[in-house]
Amino acid sequence: MIEFRPVTRHIGAEVTGVDLRKPLSEDEVATIRQGLLDHLVLFFRDQHITDEEHVQFALRFGSINMPAMNEHTGSPVHVLDQTDPKGEGGDEWHSDNTFQPNPPMGSLLRAVQLPDVGGDTLWANAYLAYETLSPPIRRLCDELTAVHDLTMSIKKAIAKGHKFDLAEMQRKWPPLERPVVRVHPETGRKALFVNRSSTTRLVGLSDRENEALLPLLLDHIRSPEFQCRLTWRVGTLAFWDNRSTQHYAVADYTQRRKMHRVTINAPD
């Protein structure tokens, strides 16, 4: 029987009673889906699965979002193979691919090779980030939109030696406006929806107002009471809801860390 053990009061749970090497029943898929809505990020330990099994598990929850940063490979599995990750963008609080017209529903990240120490990942509850703002700030945020643009994150990746055609990516994914507060399509709860990787300004505010309010909102997600932290083991798989969380990859290692990620599209 599938069970969930919360790792903090507000976010995260370890999942037991499931073997991801085996096909899941409809009831098991429904149970995991509800667990994701309840806990926002799920941790499956000791799941030594293949890439194909990883993809098949992801497909039970939605269609595959092809990796924006390595579409040329044609593989649904995005391999993150790093030894010097500081400054590449993962070490900032973010939601994945909010520069896309329909950002992903979620991602499933699996540890393949790890450094002796370091390389943890944190997740934060974006519902609480919104709900703990003071009522006047919440009312203001409810009315605001923000610009999301991939330029900042791609420039960082290029500076670290990655080969991207910035102009082509900007053409494919031009800046777009999104609500500062997002309503989750399944739970109906409101979540703060700005992040350091992609959000560049609040629409309709002056430069001075942006300089005051946007950093406040971006920093608010960093409150420890919103967060959980995962220390990886080889064979651990994390599955998070991109619509209600942000995450942060701690760049405190210099040995090889190899992770495989599959990302799921949100319904149209």
C-alpha atoms as a PDB file:
ATOM      1  CA  MET A   1       0.000   0.000   0.000  1.00  0.00           C
ATOM      2  CA  ILE A   2       1.289   3.445  -0.925  1.00  0.00           C
ATOM      3  CA  GLU A   3       1.911   5.672   2.082  1.00  0.00           C
ATOM      4  CA  PHE A   4       3.218   9.228   2.493  1.00  0.00           C
ATOM      5  CA  ARG A   5       5.447  10.343   5.369  1.00  0.00           C
ATOM      6  CA  PRO A   6       5.618  14.157   5.595  1.00  0.00           C
ATOM      7  CA  VAL A   7       9.144  15.535   5.956  1.00  0.00           C
ATOM      8  CA  THR A   8       7.989  18.979   7.157  1.00  0.00           C
ATOM      9  CA  ARG A   9       4.648  20.402   8.213  1.00  0.00           C
ATOM     10  CA  HIS A  10       4.083  22.383   5.029  1.00  0.00           C
ATOM     11  CA  ILE A  11       5.868  20.670   2.150  1.00  0.00           C
ATOM     12  CA  GLY A  12       7.386  17.347   1.105  1.00  0.00           C
ATOM     13  CA  ALA A  13       6.726  13.669   1.782  1.00  0.00           C
ATOM     14  CA  GLU A  14       8.592  10.405   1.353  1.00  0.00           C
ATOM     15  CA  VAL A  15       6.617   7.753  -0.505  1.00  0.00           C
ATOM     16  CA  THR A  16       6.716   4.072   0.432  1.00  0.00           C
ATOM     17  CA  GLY A  17       4.930   1.010  -0.866  1.00  0.00           C
ATOM     18  CA  VAL A  18       5.635   1.475  -4.569  1.00  0.00           C
ATOM     19  CA  ASP A  19       8.187  -0.014  -6.989  1.00  0.00           C
ATOM     20  CA  LEU A  20       8.670   2.236 -10.014  1.00  0.00           C
ATOM     21  CA  ARG A  21      10.142  -0.623 -12.033  1.00  0.00           C
ATOM     22  CA  LYS A  22       6.664  -2.130 -12.254  1.00  0.00           C
ATOM     23  CA  PRO A  23       3.570  -0.824 -14.076  1.00  0.00           C
ATOM     24  CA  LEU A  24       1.240   1.165 -11.838  1.00  0.00           C
ATOM     25  CA  SER A  25      -2.487   0.582 -11.547  1.00  0.00           C
ATOM     26  CA  GLU A  26      -4.938   3.418 -12.125  1.00  0.00           C
ATOM     27  CA  ASP A  27      -5.609   3.513  -8.371  1.00  0.00           C
ATOM     28  CA  GLU A  28      -1.879   3.830  -7.621  1.00  0.00           C
ATOM     29  CA  VAL A  29      -1.526   6.670 -10.127  1.00  0.00           C
ATOM     30  CA  ALA A  30      -4.519   8.453  -8.576  1.00  0.00           C
ATOM     31  CA  THR A  31      -3.051   8.009  -5.092  1.00  0.00           C
ATOM     32  CA  ILE A  32       0.321   9.464  -6.138  1.00  0.00           C
ATOM     33  CA  ARG A  33      -1.378  12.341  -7.964  1.00  0.00           C
ATOM     34  CA  GLN A  34      -3.366  13.236  -4.838  1.00  0.00           C
ATOM     35  CA  GLY A  35      -0.224  12.895  -2.731  1.00  0.00           C
ATOM     36  CA  LEU A  36       1.521  15.385  -5.016  1.00  0.00           C
ATOM     37  CA  LEU A  37      -1.340  17.869  -4.633  1.00  0.00           C
ATOM     38  CA  ASP A  38      -1.273  17.418  -0.850  1.00  0.00           C
ATOM     39  CA  HIS A  39       2.501  17.535  -0.287  1.00  0.00           C
ATOM     40  CA  LEU A  40       3.730  19.470  -3.383  1.00  0.00           C
ATOM     41  CA  VAL A  41       6.924  17.394  -3.731  1.00  0.00           C
ATOM     42  CA  LEU A  42       7.302  13.627  -3.313  1.00  0.00           C
ATOM     43  CA  PHE A  43      10.483  11.647  -2.628  1.00  0.00           C
ATOM     44  CA  PHE A  44      10.824   8.044  -3.798  1.00  0.00           C
ATOM     45  CA  ARG A  45      13.870   6.343  -2.267  1.00  0.00           C
ATOM     46  CA  ASP A  46      15.790   3.325  -3.615  1.00  0.00           C
ATOM     47  CA  GLN A  47      14.238   3.416  -7.082  1.00  0.00           C
ATOM     48  CA  HIS A  48      17.019   2.059  -9.303  1.00  0.00           C
ATOM     49  CA  ILE A  49      15.177   2.440 -12.573  1.00  0.00           C
ATOM     50  CA  THR A  50      16.212   2.869 -16.197  1.00  0.00           C
ATOM     51  CA  ASP A  51      15.629   5.994 -18.268  1.00  0.00           C
ATOM     52  CA  GLU A  52      12.810   4.193 -20.070  1.00  0.00           C
ATOM     53  CA  GLU A  53      11.123   3.295 -16.764  1.00  0.00           C
ATOM     54  CA  HIS A  54      11.608   6.909 -15.634  1.00  0.00           C
ATOM     55  CA  VAL A  55       9.859   8.178 -18.775  1.00  0.00           C
ATOM     56  CA  GLN A  56       7.057   5.615 -18.498  1.00  0.00           C
ATOM     57  CA  PHE A  57       6.370   6.665 -14.902  1.00  0.00           C
ATOM     58  CA  ALA A  58       6.264  10.335 -15.932  1.00  0.00           C
ATOM     59  CA  LEU A  59       3.849   9.579 -18.778  1.00  0.00           C
ATOM     60  CA  ARG A  60       1.245   8.352 -16.285  1.00  0.00           C
ATOM     61  CA  PHE A  61       0.868  11.988 -15.170  1.00  0.00           C
ATOM     62  CA  GLY A  62       1.034  13.880 -18.462  1.00  0.00           C
ATOM     63  CA  SER A  63       2.755  14.264 -21.809  1.00  0.00           C
ATOM     64  CA  ILE A  64       6.486  14.947 -21.933  1.00  0.00           C
ATOM     65  CA  ASN A  65       7.798  18.507 -22.043  1.00  0.00           C
ATOM     66  CA  MET A  66      10.898  18.283 -24.235  1.00  0.00           C
ATOM     67  CA  PRO A  67      13.884  19.914 -22.530  1.00  0.00           C
ATOM     68  CA  ALA A  68      14.135  23.542 -23.638  1.00  0.00           C
ATOM     69  CA  MET A  69      17.897  23.606 -23.125  1.00  0.00           C
ATOM     70  CA  ASN A  70      18.753  20.467 -25.124  1.00  0.00           C
ATOM     71  CA  GLU A  71      15.945  19.979 -27.632  1.00  0.00           C
ATOM     72  CA  HIS A  72      18.504  19.051 -30.284  1.00  0.00           C
ATOM     73  CA  THR A  73      19.135  15.668 -28.627  1.00  0.00           C
ATOM     74  CA  GLY A  74      15.572  14.503 -29.179  1.00  0.00           C
ATOM     75  CA  SER A  75      15.609  12.730 -25.826  1.00  0.00           C
ATOM     76  CA  PRO A  76      12.884  13.322 -23.229  1.00  0.00           C
ATOM     77  CA  VAL A  77      15.515  12.845 -20.516  1.00  0.00           C
ATOM     78  CA  HIS A  78      17.497  15.950 -19.631  1.00  0.00           C
ATOM     79  CA  VAL A  79      20.896  14.921 -18.242  1.00  0.00           C
ATOM     80  CA  LEU A  80      22.366  17.343 -15.701  1.00  0.00           C
ATOM     81  CA  ASP A  81      26.041  16.385 -15.440  1.00  0.00           C
ATOM     82  CA  GLN A  82      27.888  18.948 -13.323  1.00  0.00           C
ATOM     83  CA  THR A  83      31.025  19.439 -11.260  1.00  0.00           C
ATOM     84  CA  ASP A  84      31.070  23.264 -11.107  1.00  0.00           C
ATOM     85  CA  PRO A  85      27.412  24.340 -10.908  1.00  0.00           C
ATOM     86  CA  LYS A  86      27.739  27.648  -9.076  1.00  0.00           C
ATOM     87  CA  GLY A  87      26.162  30.470 -11.053  1.00  0.00           C
ATOM     88  CA  GLU A  88      24.516  28.268 -13.694  1.00  0.00           C
ATOM     89  CA  GLY A  89      21.022  29.224 -12.498  1.00  0.00           C
ATOM     90  CA  GLY A  90      19.922  26.214 -10.493  1.00  0.00           C
ATOM     91  CA  ASP A  91      21.335  27.870  -7.387  1.00  0.00           C
ATOM     92  CA  GLU A  92      18.580  30.477  -7.397  1.00  0.00           C
ATOM     93  CA  TRP A  93      14.980  29.984  -6.310  1.00  0.00           C
ATOM     94  CA  HIS A  94      12.934  29.260  -9.417  1.00  0.00           C
ATOM     95  CA  SER A  95      10.086  27.427 -11.087  1.00  0.00           C
ATOM     96  CA  ASP A  96      10.960  25.627 -14.299  1.00  0.00           C
ATOM     97  CA  ASN A  97      10.446  27.244 -17.703  1.00  0.00           C
ATOM     98  CA  THR A  98       8.036  30.005 -16.702  1.00  0.00           C
ATOM     99  CA  PHE A  99       9.123  31.788 -19.892  1.00  0.00           C
ATOM    100  CA  GLN A 100       7.109  29.228 -21.909  1.00  0.00           C
ATOM    101  CA  PRO A 101       3.499  30.032 -22.820  1.00  0.00           C
ATOM    102  CA  ASN A 102       2.296  26.965 -20.890  1.00  0.00           C
ATOM    103  CA  PRO A 103       4.888  26.199 -18.172  1.00  0.00           C
ATOM    104  CA  PRO A 104       5.354  22.554 -17.142  1.00  0.00           C
ATOM    105  CA  MET A 105       3.073  20.829 -14.641  1.00  0.00           C
ATOM    106  CA  GLY A 106       5.978  19.166 -12.885  1.00  0.00           C
ATOM    107  CA  SER A 107       9.332  17.449 -13.069  1.00  0.00           C
ATOM    108  CA  LEU A 108      10.772  14.113 -11.970  1.00  0.00           C
ATOM    109  CA  LEU A 109      14.468  14.254 -11.071  1.00  0.00           C
ATOM    110  CA  ARG A 110      16.542  11.125 -10.355  1.00  0.00           C
ATOM    111  CA  ALA A 111      20.011  10.839  -8.807  1.00  0.00           C
ATOM    112  CA  VAL A 112      22.400   8.745 -10.938  1.00  0.00           C
ATOM    113  CA  GLN A 113      25.819   9.788  -9.570  1.00  0.00           C
ATOM    114  CA  LEU A 114      26.537  11.966  -6.558  1.00  0.00           C
ATOM    115  CA  PRO A 115      29.448  13.736  -4.880  1.00  0.00           C
ATOM    116  CA  ASP A 116      30.644  12.424  -1.528  1.00  0.00           C
ATOM    117  CA  VAL A 117      28.970  15.374   0.160  1.00  0.00           C
ATOM    118  CA  GLY A 118      26.772  18.275  -0.928  1.00  0.00           C
ATOM    119  CA  GLY A 119      24.377  18.787  -3.808  1.00  0.00           C
ATOM    120  CA  ASP A 120      21.142  18.905  -1.799  1.00  0.00           C
ATOM    121  CA  THR A 121      17.974  20.392  -3.290  1.00  0.00           C
ATOM    122  CA  LEU A 122      15.389  22.542  -1.507  1.00  0.00           C
ATOM    123  CA  TRP A 123      11.747  23.137  -2.374  1.00  0.00           C
ATOM    124  CA  ALA A 124       9.495  25.942  -1.138  1.00  0.00           C
ATOM    125  CA  ASN A 125       5.723  26.152  -0.808  1.00  0.00           C
ATOM    126  CA  ALA A 126       4.527  28.974  -3.091  1.00  0.00           C
ATOM    127  CA  TYR A 127       1.014  28.831  -1.592  1.00  0.00           C
ATOM    128  CA  LEU A 128       2.416  29.813   1.804  1.00  0.00           C
ATOM    129  CA  ALA A 129       4.624  32.439   0.206  1.00  0.00           C
ATOM    130  CA  TYR A 130       1.444  34.124  -1.012  1.00  0.00           C
ATOM    131  CA  GLU A 131      -0.707  33.454   2.057  1.00  0.00           C
ATOM    132  CA  THR A 132       1.846  34.882   4.508  1.00  0.00           C
ATOM    133  CA  LEU A 133       2.116  38.231   2.743  1.00  0.00           C
ATOM    134  CA  SER A 134       0.218  40.989   4.536  1.00  0.00           C
ATOM    135  CA  PRO A 135      -3.327  41.528   3.226  1.00  0.00           C
ATOM    136  CA  PRO A 136      -2.532  44.884   1.524  1.00  0.00           C
ATOM    137  CA  ILE A 137       0.423  43.353  -0.347  1.00  0.00           C
ATOM    138  CA  ARG A 138      -1.670  40.314  -1.323  1.00  0.00           C
ATOM    139  CA  ARG A 139      -4.365  42.610  -2.745  1.00  0.00           C
ATOM    140  CA  LEU A 140      -1.754  44.503  -4.739  1.00  0.00           C
ATOM    141  CA  CYS A 141      -0.174  41.301  -6.046  1.00  0.00           C
ATOM    142  CA  ASP A 142      -3.578  39.949  -7.069  1.00  0.00           C
ATOM    143  CA  GLU A 143      -3.823  42.793  -9.588  1.00  0.00           C
ATOM    144  CA  LEU A 144      -0.266  42.700 -10.954  1.00  0.00           C
ATOM    145  CA  THR A 145       1.393  40.935 -13.864  1.00  0.00           C
ATOM    146  CA  ALA A 146       5.117  40.401 -14.379  1.00  0.00           C
ATOM    147  CA  VAL A 147       7.412  39.875 -17.366  1.00  0.00           C
ATOM    148  CA  HIS A 148       9.092  36.468 -17.671  1.00  0.00           C
ATOM    149  CA  ASP A 149      12.124  36.308 -19.960  1.00  0.00           C
ATOM    150  CA  LEU A 150      14.684  33.521 -20.516  1.00  0.00           C
ATOM    151  CA  THR A 151      17.516  35.948 -21.390  1.00  0.00           C
ATOM    152  CA  MET A 152      19.034  36.113 -17.901  1.00  0.00           C
ATOM    153  CA  SER A 153      19.242  32.346 -17.415  1.00  0.00           C
ATOM    154  CA  ILE A 154      20.583  31.654 -20.908  1.00  0.00           C
ATOM    155  CA  LYS A 155      23.298  34.319 -20.569  1.00  0.00           C
ATOM    156  CA  LYS A 156      24.413  32.662 -17.326  1.00  0.00           C
ATOM    157  CA  ALA A 157      24.567  29.274 -19.022  1.00  0.00           C
ATOM    158  CA  ILE A 158      26.573  30.693 -21.949  1.00  0.00           C
ATOM    159  CA  ALA A 159      28.992  32.352 -19.511  1.00  0.00           C
ATOM    160  CA  LYS A 160      29.572  28.927 -17.949  1.00  0.00           C
ATOM    161  CA  GLY A 161      30.514  27.444 -21.320  1.00  0.00           C
ATOM    162  CA  HIS A 162      27.205  26.030 -22.565  1.00  0.00           C
ATOM    163  CA  LYS A 163      26.559  26.333 -26.306  1.00  0.00           C
ATOM    164  CA  PHE A 164      23.241  28.097 -26.875  1.00  0.00           C
ATOM    165  CA  ASP A 165      22.031  30.374 -29.657  1.00  0.00           C
ATOM    166  CA  LEU A 166      20.611  33.190 -27.541  1.00  0.00           C
ATOM    167  CA  ALA A 167      18.998  35.027 -30.457  1.00  0.00           C
ATOM    168  CA  GLU A 168      17.240  31.874 -31.670  1.00  0.00           C
ATOM    169  CA  MET A 169      15.957  31.056 -28.186  1.00  0.00           C
ATOM    170  CA  GLN A 170      14.727  34.628 -27.708  1.00  0.00           C
ATOM    171  CA  ARG A 171      12.906  34.357 -31.040  1.00  0.00           C
ATOM    172  CA  LYS A 172      11.297  31.071 -30.048  1.00  0.00           C
ATOM    173  CA  TRP A 173      10.384  32.209 -26.519  1.00  0.00           C
ATOM    174  CA  PRO A 174       9.946  36.001 -26.457  1.00  0.00           C
ATOM    175  CA  PRO A 175       9.193  37.731 -23.133  1.00  0.00           C
ATOM    176  CA  LEU A 176       5.634  37.346 -21.916  1.00  0.00           C
ATOM    177  CA  GLU A 177       3.424  38.598 -19.104  1.00  0.00           C
ATOM    178  CA  ARG A 178       2.101  36.334 -16.370  1.00  0.00           C
ATOM    179  CA  PRO A 179       0.003  36.994 -13.255  1.00  0.00           C
ATOM    180  CA  VAL A 180       2.086  37.604 -10.141  1.00  0.00           C
ATOM    181  CA  VAL A 181      -0.400  35.361  -8.319  1.00  0.00           C
ATOM    182  CA  ARG A 182      -1.285  32.075  -9.983  1.00  0.00           C
ATOM    183  CA  VAL A 183      -4.390  30.023  -9.188  1.00  0.00           C
ATOM    184  CA  HIS A 184      -3.590  26.325  -9.160  1.00  0.00           C
ATOM    185  CA  PRO A 185      -5.900  24.659 -11.721  1.00  0.00           C
ATOM    186  CA  GLU A 186      -6.554  21.575  -9.546  1.00  0.00           C
ATOM    187  CA  THR A 187      -6.574  22.871  -5.971  1.00  0.00           C
ATOM    188  CA  GLY A 188      -7.876  26.406  -6.582  1.00  0.00           C
ATOM    189  CA  ARG A 189      -5.286  27.802  -4.155  1.00  0.00           C
ATOM    190  CA  LYS A 190      -3.337  30.957  -4.941  1.00  0.00           C
ATOM    191  CA  ALA A 191       0.468  30.837  -5.222  1.00  0.00           C
ATOM    192  CA  LEU A 192       3.132  33.501  -5.587  1.00  0.00           C
ATOM    193  CA  PHE A 193       4.417  33.209  -9.146  1.00  0.00           C
ATOM    194  CA  VAL A 194       7.594  35.249  -9.581  1.00  0.00           C
ATOM    195  CA  ASN A 195      11.120  33.819  -9.579  1.00  0.00           C
ATOM    196  CA  ARG A 196      14.723  34.955  -9.898  1.00  0.00           C
ATOM    197  CA  SER A 197      15.534  32.953 -13.027  1.00  0.00           C
ATOM    198  CA  SER A 198      12.904  34.459 -15.299  1.00  0.00           C
ATOM    199  CA  THR A 199      10.966  37.357 -13.744  1.00  0.00           C
ATOM    200  CA  THR A 200      12.413  40.692 -14.837  1.00  0.00           C
ATOM    201  CA  ARG A 201       9.882  43.363 -13.857  1.00  0.00           C
ATOM    202  CA  LEU A 202       6.382  44.089 -12.575  1.00  0.00           C
ATOM    203  CA  VAL A 203       4.205  45.542 -15.311  1.00  0.00           C
ATOM    204  CA  GLY A 204       2.765  49.030 -14.810  1.00  0.00           C
ATOM    205  CA  LEU A 205       5.094  49.992 -11.956  1.00  0.00           C
ATOM    206  CA  SER A 206       7.830  52.587 -12.157  1.00  0.00           C
ATOM    207  CA  ASP A 207      11.499  51.603 -12.003  1.00  0.00           C
ATOM    208  CA  ARG A 208      11.679  52.783  -8.407  1.00  0.00           C
ATOM    209  CA  GLU A 209       8.572  50.804  -7.441  1.00  0.00           C
ATOM    210  CA  ASN A 210      10.025  47.724  -9.138  1.00  0.00           C
ATOM    211  CA  GLU A 211      13.280  48.171  -7.242  1.00  0.00           C
ATOM    212  CA  ALA A 212      11.331  48.098  -3.975  1.00  0.00           C
ATOM    213  CA  LEU A 213       8.616  45.477  -4.547  1.00  0.00           C
ATOM    214  CA  LEU A 214      10.080  42.853  -6.881  1.00  0.00           C
ATOM    215  CA  PRO A 215      13.112  42.003  -4.664  1.00  0.00           C
ATOM    216  CA  LEU A 216      10.777  41.747  -1.664  1.00  0.00           C
ATOM    217  CA  LEU A 217       8.617  39.181  -3.463  1.00  0.00           C
ATOM    218  CA  LEU A 218      11.609  37.272  -4.805  1.00  0.00           C
ATOM    219  CA  ASP A 219      13.209  37.098  -1.351  1.00  0.00           C
ATOM    220  CA  HIS A 220       9.996  36.108   0.420  1.00  0.00           C
ATOM    221  CA  ILE A 221      10.181  32.531  -0.932  1.00  0.00           C
ATOM    222  CA  ARG A 222      13.446  32.060   0.991  1.00  0.00           C
ATOM    223  CA  SER A 223      11.719  31.853   4.383  1.00  0.00           C
ATOM    224  CA  PRO A 224      12.738  28.522   6.013  1.00  0.00           C
ATOM    225  CA  GLU A 225       9.219  27.738   7.244  1.00  0.00           C
ATOM    226  CA  PHE A 226       8.097  27.355   3.613  1.00  0.00           C
ATOM    227  CA  GLN A 227      10.810  24.818   2.760  1.00  0.00           C
ATOM    228  CA  CYS A 228      12.004  21.239   2.839  1.00  0.00           C
ATOM    229  CA  ARG A 229      15.480  19.952   1.970  1.00  0.00           C
ATOM    230  CA  LEU A 230      16.455  16.678   0.320  1.00  0.00           C
ATOM    231  CA  THR A 231      19.819  14.987   0.763  1.00  0.00           C
ATOM    232  CA  TRP A 232      20.049  12.750  -2.278  1.00  0.00           C
ATOM    233  CA  ARG A 233      21.053   9.101  -2.494  1.00  0.00           C
ATOM    234  CA  VAL A 234      21.660   7.295  -5.761  1.00  0.00           C
ATOM    235  CA  GLY A 235      18.265   5.917  -6.766  1.00  0.00           C
ATOM    236  CA  THR A 236      16.253   8.715  -5.161  1.00  0.00           C
ATOM    237  CA  LEU A 237      13.598  10.277  -7.403  1.00  0.00           C
ATOM    238  CA  ALA A 238      11.888  13.572  -6.585  1.00  0.00           C
ATOM    239  CA  PHE A 239       8.575  14.507  -8.220  1.00  0.00           C
ATOM    240  CA  TRP A 240       7.415  18.093  -7.726  1.00  0.00           C
ATOM    241  CA  ASP A 241       4.468  20.238  -8.755  1.00  0.00           C
ATOM    242  CA  ASN A 242       5.914  23.172 -10.695  1.00  0.00           C
ATOM    243  CA  ARG A 243       2.664  25.121 -10.218  1.00  0.00           C
ATOM    244  CA  SER A 244       2.861  25.334  -6.429  1.00  0.00           C
ATOM    245  CA  THR A 245       6.588  25.215  -5.643  1.00  0.00           C
ATOM    246  CA  GLN A 246       9.943  26.753  -6.314  1.00  0.00           C
ATOM    247  CA  HIS A 247      13.229  24.884  -5.919  1.00  0.00           C
ATOM    248  CA  TYR A 248      16.912  25.574  -5.347  1.00  0.00           C
ATOM    249  CA  ALA A 249      19.905  23.332  -6.117  1.00  0.00           C
ATOM    250  CA  VAL A 250      22.695  23.875  -3.588  1.00  0.00           C
ATOM    251  CA  ALA A 251      25.944  24.431  -5.516  1.00  0.00           C
ATOM    252  CA  ASP A 252      28.335  23.308  -2.766  1.00  0.00           C
ATOM    253  CA  TYR A 253      30.209  20.491  -4.505  1.00  0.00           C
ATOM    254  CA  THR A 254      33.096  20.012  -6.933  1.00  0.00           C
ATOM    255  CA  GLN A 255      32.789  16.273  -7.578  1.00  0.00           C
ATOM    256  CA  ARG A 256      30.586  14.916 -10.345  1.00  0.00           C
ATOM    257  CA  ARG A 257      26.825  15.084  -9.799  1.00  0.00           C
ATOM    258  CA  LYS A 258      24.743  13.438 -12.519  1.00  0.00           C
ATOM    259  CA  MET A 259      20.971  13.745 -12.460  1.00  0.00           C
ATOM    260  CA  HIS A 260      18.331  12.680 -14.990  1.00  0.00           C
ATOM    261  CA  ARG A 261      15.180  14.789 -15.284  1.00  0.00           C
ATOM    262  CA  VAL A 262      11.905  14.260 -17.117  1.00  0.00           C
ATOM    263  CA  THR A 263       9.438  17.151 -17.234  1.00  0.00           C
ATOM    264  CA  ILE A 264       5.682  16.911 -17.753  1.00  0.00           C
ATOM    265  CA  ASN A 265       3.505  19.316 -19.714  1.00  0.00           C
ATOM    266  CA  ALA A 266       0.597  21.055 -18.080  1.00  0.00           C
ATOM    267  CA  PRO A 267      -2.754  20.360 -19.733  1.00  0.00           C
ATOM    268  CA  ASP A 268      -3.657  22.886 -22.441  1.00  0.00           C
END
